[in-house]
């Protein structure tokens, strides 16, 4: 089991959170806390870099949905970048690929 590590940086389009390790019930509160510390402005896009995410359970997916909902409340958006194939498959099965903008990498997600 890999602990979750979250790194935050700024891009021209808004904040970028890189998630490394496993996002599950045991540590999803860390993501909620990191998201709560952000102050999104209207028109910004929060990018979640998932390139080094090893595992994500349903509580992690629920946190992603909550992040999108909170962003929309401030007239901002959320994009997922470098989604691992196993997670992308799950997102497609449940239809979340229709509500999230998904980019192949962080660079394309942060182009203004």
Protein backbone atom coordinates (compact mmCIF):
# COMPACT_ATOMS: atom_id res chain seq x y z
CA UNK A 1 0.00 0.00 0.00
CA UNK A 2 1.39 3.39 -1.03
CA UNK A 3 0.49 6.44 1.04
CA UNK A 4 -1.10 9.36 -0.75
CA UNK A 5 1.12 12.32 -1.50
CA UNK A 6 -0.39 15.53 -2.88
CA UNK A 7 1.72 18.24 -4.48
CA UNK A 8 0.21 21.60 -5.42
CA UNK A 9 1.55 24.09 -7.93
CA UNK A 10 0.16 26.99 -9.93
CA UNK A 11 -0.26 27.09 -13.69
CA UNK A 12 -1.56 29.81 -16.00
CA UNK A 13 -4.99 28.12 -15.99
CA UNK A 14 -5.18 27.63 -12.22
CA UNK A 15 -3.93 25.21 -9.58
CA UNK A 16 -2.53 21.76 -10.38
CA UNK A 17 -2.70 18.97 -7.83
CA UNK A 18 -0.52 15.95 -8.47
CA UNK A 19 -1.77 12.83 -6.69
CA UNK A 20 0.83 10.13 -6.04
CA UNK A 21 0.15 6.73 -4.51
CA UNK A 22 -3.24 5.36 -3.53
CA UNK A 23 -6.43 7.36 -3.13
CA UNK A 24 -8.81 5.37 -0.98
CA UNK A 25 -11.09 5.49 2.04
CA UNK A 26 -8.13 5.57 4.43
CA UNK A 27 -6.66 8.80 3.02
CA UNK A 28 -9.36 10.57 1.01
CA UNK A 29 -9.57 13.17 3.78
CA UNK A 30 -6.11 14.38 2.68
CA UNK A 31 -7.51 15.18 -0.76
CA UNK A 32 -10.54 16.91 0.73
CA UNK A 33 -8.20 19.02 2.90
CA UNK A 34 -5.97 19.93 -0.05
CA UNK A 35 -9.01 20.90 -2.12
CA UNK A 36 -10.38 22.94 0.79
CA UNK A 37 -7.14 24.92 0.94
CA UNK A 38 -7.53 26.03 -2.68
CA UNK A 39 -9.23 29.24 -3.65
CA UNK A 40 -10.49 28.83 -7.18
CA UNK A 41 -11.58 31.92 -9.04
CA UNK A 42 -14.21 32.08 -11.77
CA UNK A 43 -12.81 30.92 -15.09
CA UNK A 44 -9.95 28.94 -13.59
CA UNK A 45 -9.43 25.24 -14.13
CA UNK A 46 -8.22 22.94 -11.38
CA UNK A 47 -6.09 20.22 -12.96
CA UNK A 48 -5.75 16.91 -11.15
CA UNK A 49 -2.62 15.16 -12.39
CA UNK A 50 -3.25 11.45 -11.91
CA UNK A 51 -0.18 10.17 -13.78
CA UNK A 52 1.31 8.63 -10.63
CA UNK A 53 -1.92 7.50 -9.00
CA UNK A 54 -1.62 3.76 -8.37
CA UNK A 55 -5.12 3.03 -7.08
CA UNK A 56 -8.42 4.82 -6.59
CA UNK A 57 -11.48 3.36 -4.89
CA UNK A 58 -15.05 4.64 -4.91
CA UNK A 59 -14.38 7.15 -2.13
CA UNK A 60 -11.63 8.67 -4.29
CA UNK A 61 -13.96 8.91 -7.26
CA UNK A 62 -16.58 10.51 -5.02
CA UNK A 63 -13.96 13.09 -3.95
CA UNK A 64 -13.26 13.90 -7.61
CA UNK A 65 -16.97 14.45 -8.21
CA UNK A 66 -17.17 16.67 -5.12
CA UNK A 67 -14.17 18.68 -6.35
CA UNK A 68 -15.95 19.24 -9.67
CA UNK A 69 -19.14 20.30 -7.91
CA UNK A 70 -17.28 22.74 -5.65
CA UNK A 71 -15.40 24.18 -8.62
CA UNK A 72 -18.64 24.72 -10.50
CA UNK A 73 -20.04 26.59 -7.49
CA UNK A 74 -17.28 29.18 -8.06
CA UNK A 75 -17.72 29.12 -11.86
CA UNK A 76 -14.46 27.21 -12.27
CA UNK A 77 -13.80 23.79 -13.79
CA UNK A 78 -11.87 20.60 -13.07
CA UNK A 79 -9.82 18.64 -15.60
CA UNK A 80 -8.20 15.26 -15.14
CA UNK A 81 -4.75 14.73 -16.64
CA UNK A 82 -2.84 11.53 -17.39
CA UNK A 83 -5.53 9.23 -16.02
CA UNK A 84 -4.13 5.70 -15.61
CA UNK A 85 -5.74 3.18 -17.98
CA UNK A 86 -7.42 1.13 -15.23
CA UNK A 87 -9.01 4.25 -13.73
CA UNK A 88 -9.98 5.61 -17.14
CA UNK A 89 -11.81 2.34 -17.80
CA UNK A 90 -13.83 2.77 -14.59
CA UNK A 91 -14.61 6.41 -15.42
CA UNK A 92 -15.88 5.34 -18.85
CA UNK A 93 -17.98 2.49 -17.45
CA UNK A 94 -19.80 4.79 -15.02
CA UNK A 95 -20.05 7.67 -17.51
CA UNK A 96 -17.79 10.11 -15.69
CA UNK A 97 -15.73 10.59 -18.83
CA UNK A 98 -18.76 12.57 -20.00
CA UNK A 99 -18.63 15.08 -17.13
CA UNK A 100 -14.86 15.49 -16.68
CA UNK A 101 -12.54 16.98 -19.26
CA UNK A 102 -9.77 14.43 -19.63
CA UNK A 103 -6.34 15.27 -21.03
CA UNK A 104 -3.50 12.92 -21.97
CA UNK A 105 -1.03 14.91 -19.84
CA UNK A 106 -0.73 17.90 -17.55
CA UNK A 107 0.91 20.05 -20.20
CA UNK A 108 -2.11 19.88 -22.50
CA UNK A 109 -4.46 20.43 -19.55
CA UNK A 110 -2.72 23.65 -18.51
CA UNK A 111 -2.48 25.34 -21.90
CA UNK A 112 -4.31 28.64 -21.69
